[in-house]
Amino acid sequence: MEVLRRSLSYRDVERLLADRSAGAQIETMQNVVGELQSEGLSYEARRLAEGVVQAYSRHAEQAVREALAWQIAHSPLLSRELSEHLARDVASVAFPVLRYSDDLDDALLLEVIAEGDNRKQVAVAMRSEVSATVSDALVDQGSEEAVVALMGNSGAEISDPAYDRALDRFDGKTAVANAIAGRGELPARVAEKLVHRVAEEMRRALVARYKLSPVLLRGLVDHARESVTALLLQPVAGRQDDLDLFVEHLVVNNRLSPSLMLRALCAGDVSFFVVALAKLCRIAPDNARRLALQGGALGLRAAFEKAGLPTALMPPFRSAIEVVNEMGGTGIDEAGRRSFQVRALSRVFGANSSNEDPAIDELLRQLFDGKPAPVVQQAMEDAGIPFAPVFAQA
C-alpha cells in the first residue's frame, strides 16, 4: 500500500478506509501513525490522520484495534480520551494501554479491576507505578496471577494490611507466598507470618507422604520456624513501631515463647525481650525493663509471674541478663554483637548445663540454632566445655 503522503487529503482518507480487510486496515493504520509521529504533517493533514486513528479505535475489528493499541501504547498520540476508551475495550486491546499509559487515573483502574478480567488485572498490576488504593483492590478482587504480578512489582505501593489479606485469601498458594517473600523491605510481622504458612505446609506434606506422627512433626516444624523467626528480629530491633507490631503479631498468634525470648536476649536483641515481656505483663516497656534488667531476682520473678511464664525457666534468663548489664544494659550494636553472643552463650550454658530440669535443657538446646559455628565453639571454650553440643536438625 502506498505510504501516507505529507499532504494527506480527504480523497486519500476515503481510499485508505475503503479496503475493509484486517490486513489492509492494519497497514493503513501503521502508515497513519508513522506519519503522525514524524511530525511533518500540515495542520489539516494531522487532523485527518487523527480522525483515522479515532475511527479505527472505535469501529475497526478486534485485530486492528489490538495492533493500534500496541503501536501507540508508548506514543504521545495516546491521548487521555483515547487511553480511557481503549482501556475499556476487550482485554487483548486494553492490555498495552493499561500496562503503559500514564493518563489513566485510579478511578478508571478500579473500574477495570472490578470487571474481573484476569488479563486486564495483570496489566494493571504490572504498571510502573501502582498506588496503595489500586493495590488494595487487586489484593481483594484480583486473580491469583494478578496478585503474584503485583507482589513482584517493585513500583507497587502495598500497605501492611494488604499483605495479610493476600496471604489469607490465597492461603496455600505457593506462588503468592513466594512473590510476597521476594519483596524488599517486607514488614517483619509479615515475614514471620510467611514462615508460619510455609512451615504448616511442610508439616502437612510430610504427614501425608510418610505417615509420620503429626504431634512429633509439629514440634520439629515449630522448632525450625522459631529459628527463622529469631533471625527476623535484628532488622526491626531499631524501629520501635515495627517491633511493637511484630511482638503483638506473635502474641496474637500464640508464638511468643520463652525459648524465642531467651534466643533474642542471648543474641543481643534486648529491646525485643523487653517489649515481649511488657506485652505479656501488660505493662509499659520501661517498667518491664526496670523489673527484668534492674530489679534483680525479685523483679524478674515478679515479671515472670505476671507474664505467666514458668518461674522454673528463670535461671538461664538471669544468666543472660547478667551479661546484658555487664555490657551496659541496653541494645547491643553490630560491632559488639558477636562478642556479646559468645559471652552470653558461654555464661548461660556454663551456669545452667548441669541443671536437670528438662524444660531448661530444652531451652539450652535451642540456643545454638542459627548461630555461626565460630560463635558456638568460642562460647563452649569459654564455658570450659571441650565440645560443642550436637542437636538433631529439624
Protein backbone atom coordinates (compact mmCIF):
# COMPACT_ATOMS: atom_id res chain seq x y z
CA MET A 1 0.00 0.00 0.00
CA GLU A 2 1.18 3.49 -0.78
CA VAL A 3 2.80 5.21 2.21
CA LEU A 4 0.76 8.13 3.55
CA ARG A 5 1.89 11.42 1.97
CA ARG A 6 2.55 14.60 3.91
CA SER A 7 -0.29 16.30 2.00
CA LEU A 8 -2.95 13.87 3.21
CA SER A 9 -6.33 14.72 1.65
CA TYR A 10 -9.96 13.67 2.11
CA ARG A 11 -9.64 11.56 -1.03
CA ASP A 12 -6.62 9.78 0.49
CA VAL A 13 -8.62 9.05 3.63
CA GLU A 14 -11.56 7.68 1.64
CA ARG A 15 -9.26 5.44 -0.34
CA LEU A 16 -7.38 4.25 2.74
CA LEU A 17 -10.59 3.36 4.54
CA ALA A 18 -12.19 1.66 1.55
CA ASP A 19 -10.38 -1.66 1.93
CA ARG A 20 -12.09 -3.35 4.91
CA SER A 21 -9.75 -6.34 5.29
CA ALA A 22 -7.93 -6.53 8.61
CA GLY A 23 -4.52 -6.74 6.95
CA ALA A 24 -5.17 -3.65 4.84
CA GLN A 25 -6.54 -1.69 7.79
CA ILE A 26 -3.55 -2.58 9.98
CA GLU A 27 -1.16 -1.48 7.26
CA THR A 28 -3.13 1.72 6.77
CA MET A 29 -3.17 2.38 10.49
CA GLN A 30 0.60 1.80 10.74
CA ASN A 31 1.21 4.27 7.93
CA VAL A 32 -1.07 6.86 9.50
CA VAL A 33 0.55 6.52 12.92
CA GLY A 34 4.02 6.63 11.38
CA GLU A 35 3.18 9.89 9.63
CA LEU A 36 1.70 11.38 12.80
CA GLN A 37 4.82 10.51 14.77
CA SER A 38 7.05 12.08 12.15
CA GLU A 39 5.56 15.49 12.97
CA GLY A 40 5.85 16.55 9.34
CA LEU A 41 2.14 16.84 8.52
CA SER A 42 0.26 20.04 7.97
CA TYR A 43 -2.40 21.00 10.50
CA GLU A 44 -5.20 19.82 8.22
CA ALA A 45 -3.46 16.54 7.39
CA ARG A 46 -2.80 15.90 11.08
CA ARG A 47 -6.45 16.39 11.93
CA LEU A 48 -7.42 13.93 9.21
CA ALA A 49 -4.86 11.35 10.39
CA GLU A 50 -6.02 11.66 13.99
CA GLY A 51 -9.54 11.08 12.73
CA VAL A 52 -8.38 7.84 11.11
CA VAL A 53 -6.85 6.68 14.42
CA GLN A 54 -10.03 7.55 16.31
CA ALA A 55 -12.17 5.76 13.73
CA TYR A 56 -10.04 2.62 13.89
CA SER A 57 -10.06 2.62 17.69
CA ARG A 58 -13.85 2.59 17.73
CA HIS A 59 -15.04 0.81 14.61
CA ALA A 60 -12.29 -1.47 13.30
CA GLU A 61 -12.34 -5.18 14.02
CA GLN A 62 -10.54 -6.51 17.09
CA ALA A 63 -7.27 -7.46 15.38
CA VAL A 64 -6.91 -3.91 14.06
CA ARG A 65 -7.67 -2.37 17.45
CA GLU A 66 -5.10 -4.65 19.05
CA ALA A 67 -2.43 -3.57 16.57
CA LEU A 68 -3.34 0.08 17.12
CA ALA A 69 -3.16 -0.23 20.92
CA TRP A 70 0.26 -1.84 20.85
CA GLN A 71 1.61 0.68 18.35
CA ILE A 72 0.55 3.80 20.25
CA ALA A 73 0.94 2.48 23.84
CA HIS A 74 4.22 4.42 24.24
CA SER A 75 3.30 7.24 21.87
CA PRO A 76 2.26 10.85 22.53
CA LEU A 77 -0.65 10.02 20.21
CA LEU A 78 -2.23 8.12 23.09
CA SER A 79 -4.34 10.92 24.50
CA ARG A 80 -6.22 10.66 27.77
CA GLU A 81 -9.52 10.22 25.95
CA LEU A 82 -8.12 7.51 23.69
CA SER A 83 -6.44 5.79 26.65
CA GLU A 84 -9.69 5.59 28.57
CA HIS A 85 -11.58 4.30 25.55
CA LEU A 86 -9.06 1.57 24.76
CA ALA A 87 -8.75 0.60 28.44
CA ARG A 88 -12.45 -0.29 28.42
CA ASP A 89 -12.08 -2.43 25.31
CA VAL A 90 -11.61 -6.20 25.39
CA ALA A 91 -8.52 -7.42 27.25
CA SER A 92 -6.37 -8.07 24.19
CA VAL A 93 -6.85 -4.44 23.11
CA ALA A 94 -6.75 -2.90 26.57
CA PHE A 95 -3.65 -4.72 27.85
CA PRO A 96 -0.86 -2.49 26.46
CA VAL A 97 -2.76 0.68 27.36
CA LEU A 98 -3.48 -0.49 30.91
CA ARG A 99 0.13 -1.56 31.22
CA TYR A 100 1.87 1.55 29.86
CA SER A 101 -0.42 4.60 29.68
CA ASP A 102 0.27 7.33 32.25
CA ASP A 103 -3.09 9.00 31.59
CA LEU A 104 -5.26 6.52 33.46
CA ASP A 105 -6.39 7.60 36.92
CA ASP A 106 -7.10 5.33 39.86
CA ALA A 107 -10.86 5.62 39.44
CA LEU A 108 -10.71 4.05 35.98
CA LEU A 109 -8.22 1.41 37.10
CA LEU A 110 -10.53 0.43 39.97
CA GLU A 111 -13.38 0.16 37.47
CA VAL A 112 -11.29 -2.12 35.27
CA ILE A 113 -10.25 -4.32 38.20
CA ALA A 114 -13.89 -4.73 39.21
CA GLU A 115 -14.67 -6.19 35.77
CA GLY A 116 -12.92 -9.36 36.92
CA ASP A 117 -10.92 -9.91 33.74
CA ASN A 118 -7.68 -11.70 34.65
CA ARG A 119 -5.57 -10.29 31.82
CA LYS A 120 -6.68 -6.72 32.48
CA GLN A 121 -5.93 -7.12 36.18
CA VAL A 122 -2.45 -8.43 35.37
CA ALA A 123 -1.81 -5.42 33.13
CA VAL A 124 -2.79 -3.03 35.94
CA ALA A 125 -0.63 -4.95 38.43
CA MET A 126 2.40 -4.57 36.13
CA ARG A 127 2.18 -0.77 35.70
CA SER A 128 5.37 1.13 36.53
CA GLU A 129 3.60 2.72 39.49
CA VAL A 130 0.63 1.27 41.36
CA SER A 131 -0.95 3.24 44.19
CA ALA A 132 -1.87 1.66 47.52
CA THR A 133 -5.56 2.13 46.63
CA VAL A 134 -5.23 0.16 43.41
CA SER A 135 -3.07 -2.46 45.14
CA ASP A 136 -5.76 -2.94 47.77
CA ALA A 137 -8.35 -3.54 45.06
CA LEU A 138 -6.14 -6.08 43.30
CA VAL A 139 -5.48 -7.94 46.55
CA ASP A 140 -9.21 -8.08 47.34
CA GLN A 141 -10.62 -8.68 43.84
CA GLY A 142 -7.76 -9.74 41.59
CA SER A 143 -6.89 -13.17 40.31
CA GLU A 144 -4.00 -15.17 41.76
CA GLU A 145 -1.93 -14.31 38.69
CA ALA A 146 -2.63 -10.61 39.15
CA VAL A 147 -1.68 -10.67 42.83
CA VAL A 148 1.55 -12.51 42.03
CA ALA A 149 2.36 -9.85 39.42
CA LEU A 150 1.53 -7.09 41.90
CA MET A 151 3.76 -8.50 44.62
CA GLY A 152 6.58 -8.86 42.12
CA ASN A 153 6.27 -5.22 41.04
CA SER A 154 8.76 -3.01 42.89
CA GLY A 155 6.80 0.05 41.73
CA ALA A 156 3.66 -1.05 43.57
CA GLU A 157 2.84 0.60 46.88
CA ILE A 158 1.37 -2.05 49.17
CA SER A 159 0.02 -1.41 52.65
CA ASP A 160 0.87 -3.74 55.53
CA PRO A 161 -2.74 -4.95 55.92
CA ALA A 162 -2.81 -5.86 52.21
CA TYR A 163 -0.07 -8.44 52.76
CA ASP A 164 -2.18 -10.12 55.44
CA ARG A 165 -5.27 -10.15 53.23
CA ALA A 166 -3.31 -11.60 50.31
CA LEU A 167 -1.89 -14.39 52.46
CA ASP A 168 -5.31 -15.16 53.93
CA ARG A 169 -7.15 -15.03 50.60
CA PHE A 170 -4.61 -17.21 48.81
CA ASP A 171 -3.79 -19.48 51.73
CA GLY A 172 -1.77 -22.43 50.48
CA LYS A 173 -0.90 -20.76 47.16
CA THR A 174 2.87 -21.05 46.93
CA ALA A 175 3.17 -18.56 44.07
CA VAL A 176 1.62 -15.76 46.11
CA ALA A 177 3.70 -16.54 49.20
CA ASN A 178 6.90 -16.64 47.12
CA ALA A 179 6.07 -13.33 45.44
CA ILE A 180 5.47 -11.64 48.79
CA ALA A 181 8.66 -13.14 50.21
CA GLY A 182 10.62 -11.65 47.32
CA ARG A 183 9.63 -8.05 48.06
CA GLY A 184 12.20 -5.73 49.61
CA GLU A 185 11.56 -4.07 52.98
CA LEU A 186 8.94 -6.63 53.91
CA PRO A 187 7.50 -5.90 57.38
CA ALA A 188 8.95 -8.38 59.88
CA ARG A 189 5.47 -9.30 61.10
CA VAL A 190 4.53 -10.31 57.56
CA ALA A 191 7.79 -12.19 57.09
CA GLU A 192 7.11 -14.19 60.26
CA LYS A 193 3.61 -14.97 59.03
CA LEU A 194 5.14 -16.29 55.82
CA VAL A 195 7.45 -18.52 57.83
CA HIS A 196 4.42 -19.87 59.69
CA ARG A 197 2.50 -20.59 56.46
CA VAL A 198 5.45 -22.37 54.84
CA ALA A 199 6.07 -24.41 57.99
CA GLU A 200 2.45 -25.54 58.17
CA GLU A 201 2.52 -26.53 54.50
CA MET A 202 5.70 -28.53 55.08
CA ARG A 203 4.16 -30.30 58.10
CA ARG A 204 1.04 -31.33 56.19
CA ALA A 205 3.10 -32.61 53.26
CA LEU A 206 5.36 -34.72 55.49
CA VAL A 207 2.43 -36.22 57.40
CA ALA A 208 0.68 -37.17 54.16
CA ARG A 209 3.76 -38.51 52.41
CA TYR A 210 5.43 -40.51 55.17
CA LYS A 211 2.53 -41.14 57.58
CA LEU A 212 4.56 -39.63 60.42
CA SER A 213 3.21 -38.57 63.79
CA PRO A 214 1.57 -35.14 63.44
CA VAL A 215 2.44 -34.35 67.06
CA LEU A 216 6.13 -35.12 66.58
CA LEU A 217 6.29 -33.25 63.30
CA ARG A 218 4.58 -30.18 64.75
CA GLY A 219 7.29 -29.98 67.37
CA LEU A 220 10.06 -30.25 64.79
CA VAL A 221 8.47 -27.74 62.45
CA ASP A 222 7.77 -25.28 65.25
CA HIS A 223 11.38 -25.63 66.32
CA ALA A 224 12.64 -24.81 62.83
CA ARG A 225 10.17 -21.96 62.43
CA GLU A 226 11.27 -20.37 65.68
CA SER A 227 14.87 -20.41 64.46
CA VAL A 228 13.85 -18.40 61.41
CA THR A 229 11.67 -16.05 63.45
CA ALA A 230 14.66 -15.26 65.64
CA LEU A 231 16.58 -14.16 62.53
CA LEU A 232 13.83 -11.64 61.75
CA LEU A 233 14.34 -9.72 64.98
CA GLN A 234 17.51 -7.86 64.11
CA PRO A 235 16.15 -5.81 61.15
CA VAL A 236 13.25 -4.43 63.24
CA ALA A 237 15.03 -4.05 66.57
CA GLY A 238 15.79 -0.36 65.98
CA ARG A 239 12.32 0.57 64.75
CA GLN A 240 10.01 0.77 67.76
CA ASP A 241 6.74 0.83 65.81
CA ASP A 242 7.73 -2.22 63.77
CA LEU A 243 8.95 -4.00 66.89
CA ASP A 244 5.67 -3.37 68.71
CA LEU A 245 3.66 -4.70 65.75
CA PHE A 246 5.90 -7.73 65.40
CA VAL A 247 5.61 -8.66 69.06
CA GLU A 248 1.84 -8.10 69.01
CA HIS A 249 1.61 -10.39 65.99
CA LEU A 250 3.50 -13.13 67.84
CA VAL A 251 1.29 -12.75 70.92
CA VAL A 252 -1.95 -12.87 68.94
CA ASN A 253 -0.80 -16.00 67.10
CA ASN A 254 0.48 -17.69 70.29
CA ARG A 255 4.06 -17.80 69.03
CA LEU A 256 5.81 -15.67 71.65
CA SER A 257 7.52 -18.49 73.52
CA PRO A 258 10.07 -18.41 76.38
CA SER A 259 12.62 -20.04 74.09
CA LEU A 260 12.23 -17.28 71.49
CA MET A 261 12.60 -14.63 74.21
CA LEU A 262 15.78 -16.27 75.52
CA ARG A 263 17.16 -16.62 71.99
CA ALA A 264 16.61 -12.89 71.47
CA LEU A 265 18.21 -11.98 74.76
CA CYS A 266 21.31 -14.10 74.07
CA ALA A 267 21.56 -12.72 70.53
CA GLY A 268 21.70 -9.14 71.82
CA ASP A 269 18.15 -8.18 70.81
CA VAL A 270 17.42 -6.76 74.24
CA SER A 271 14.67 -4.43 73.02
CA PHE A 272 12.68 -7.38 71.71
CA PHE A 273 12.95 -9.18 75.05
CA VAL A 274 11.79 -6.06 76.92
CA VAL A 275 8.86 -5.35 74.60
CA ALA A 276 7.83 -9.02 74.63
CA LEU A 277 7.89 -9.13 78.43
CA ALA A 278 5.92 -5.86 78.58
CA LYS A 279 3.25 -7.24 76.24
CA LEU A 280 2.86 -10.41 78.29
CA CYS A 281 2.74 -8.44 81.56
CA ARG A 282 0.51 -5.72 80.07
CA ILE A 283 2.80 -3.02 81.42
CA ALA A 284 4.88 -0.24 79.86
CA PRO A 285 8.23 -1.31 78.32
CA ASP A 286 10.14 0.99 80.69
CA ASN A 287 8.57 -0.81 83.64
CA ALA A 288 9.38 -4.19 82.14
CA ARG A 289 12.97 -3.09 81.61
CA ARG A 290 13.33 -1.96 85.23
CA LEU A 291 11.80 -5.17 86.59
CA ALA A 292 13.81 -7.57 84.43
CA LEU A 293 17.14 -5.81 84.00
CA GLN A 294 17.41 -3.72 87.16
CA GLY A 295 15.15 -5.48 89.66
CA GLY A 296 17.36 -8.44 90.43
CA ALA A 297 15.97 -11.91 91.07
CA LEU A 298 12.92 -10.49 92.84
CA GLY A 299 12.00 -8.16 89.95
CA LEU A 300 12.50 -10.87 87.33
CA ARG A 301 10.34 -13.30 89.31
CA ALA A 302 7.56 -10.71 89.61
CA ALA A 303 7.71 -10.11 85.85
CA PHE A 304 7.66 -13.84 85.06
CA GLU A 305 4.69 -14.44 87.34
CA LYS A 306 2.72 -11.54 85.86
CA ALA A 307 3.58 -12.63 82.32
CA GLY A 308 2.52 -16.20 83.01
CA LEU A 309 5.98 -17.58 82.24
CA PRO A 310 7.23 -20.63 84.17
CA THR A 311 9.46 -19.38 87.01
CA ALA A 312 11.45 -22.63 86.71
CA LEU A 313 12.92 -21.17 83.50
CA MET A 314 14.32 -18.09 85.23
CA PRO A 315 17.95 -19.30 85.76
CA PRO A 316 19.11 -19.09 82.13
CA PHE A 317 17.36 -15.73 81.76
CA ARG A 318 19.18 -14.43 84.86
CA SER A 319 22.50 -15.55 83.39
CA ALA A 320 21.82 -13.72 80.11
CA ILE A 321 20.65 -10.58 81.93
CA GLU A 322 23.93 -10.54 83.91
CA VAL A 323 25.80 -10.25 80.63
CA VAL A 324 23.42 -7.56 79.34
CA ASN A 325 24.03 -5.47 82.45
CA GLU A 326 27.79 -6.00 82.28
CA MET A 327 27.74 -4.61 78.75
CA GLY A 328 25.68 -1.53 79.51
CA GLY A 329 22.14 -2.79 79.95
CA THR A 330 20.93 -1.66 76.51
CA GLY A 331 20.73 -2.98 72.96
CA ILE A 332 23.92 -4.38 71.52
CA ASP A 333 25.34 -2.64 68.44
CA GLU A 334 26.57 -4.58 65.44
CA ALA A 335 30.21 -4.14 66.34
CA GLY A 336 29.71 -5.79 69.70
CA ARG A 337 27.09 -8.37 68.73
CA ARG A 338 29.43 -11.30 68.15
CA SER A 339 31.39 -10.81 71.37
CA PHE A 340 28.12 -10.39 73.28
CA GLN A 341 26.71 -13.61 71.85
CA VAL A 342 29.85 -15.52 72.77
CA ARG A 343 29.77 -14.22 76.32
CA ALA A 344 26.01 -14.73 76.74
CA LEU A 345 26.03 -18.29 75.38
CA SER A 346 29.06 -19.17 77.46
CA ARG A 347 27.52 -17.76 80.65
CA VAL A 348 24.07 -19.26 80.11
CA PHE A 349 25.34 -22.70 79.12
CA GLY A 350 28.12 -22.83 81.72
CA ALA A 351 25.84 -21.83 84.59
CA ASN A 352 22.87 -23.98 83.64
CA SER A 353 24.07 -27.07 81.79
CA SER A 354 24.14 -29.14 84.97
CA ASN A 355 20.52 -28.29 85.73
CA GLU A 356 18.43 -31.45 85.47
CA ASP A 357 15.15 -29.69 84.67
CA PRO A 358 14.06 -30.99 81.21
CA ALA A 359 12.50 -27.61 80.34
CA ILE A 360 15.79 -25.79 80.93
CA ASP A 361 17.64 -28.48 78.99
CA GLU A 362 15.32 -27.86 76.04
CA LEU A 363 15.89 -24.10 76.28
CA LEU A 364 19.65 -24.63 76.15
CA ARG A 365 19.32 -26.93 73.16
CA GLN A 366 17.58 -24.24 71.17
CA LEU A 367 20.10 -21.50 71.93
CA PHE A 368 22.55 -22.76 69.32
CA ASP A 369 20.15 -22.78 66.37
CA GLY A 370 21.25 -20.36 63.68
CA LYS A 371 24.43 -19.34 65.49
CA PRO A 372 27.66 -19.28 63.46
CA ALA A 373 29.96 -22.19 64.24
CA PRO A 374 32.83 -19.95 65.47
CA VAL A 375 30.47 -18.29 67.96
CA VAL A 376 29.32 -21.67 69.33
CA GLN A 377 32.87 -23.04 69.52
CA GLN A 378 34.23 -19.96 71.29
CA ALA A 379 31.31 -19.96 73.74
CA MET A 380 31.93 -23.61 74.61
CA GLU A 381 35.62 -22.99 75.14
CA ASP A 382 34.89 -20.01 77.38
CA ALA A 383 32.41 -22.14 79.34
CA GLY A 384 35.11 -24.79 79.86
CA ILE A 385 33.27 -27.40 77.80
CA PRO A 386 35.60 -29.18 75.34
CA PHE A 387 32.95 -29.85 72.68
CA ALA A 388 30.03 -28.10 71.03
CA PRO A 389 26.65 -29.73 71.64
CA VAL A 390 25.22 -31.69 68.73
CA PHE A 391 21.47 -31.39 68.25
CA ALA A 392 19.09 -33.05 65.85
CA GLN A 393 18.24 -30.98 62.80
CA ALA A 394 14.55 -30.07 62.40
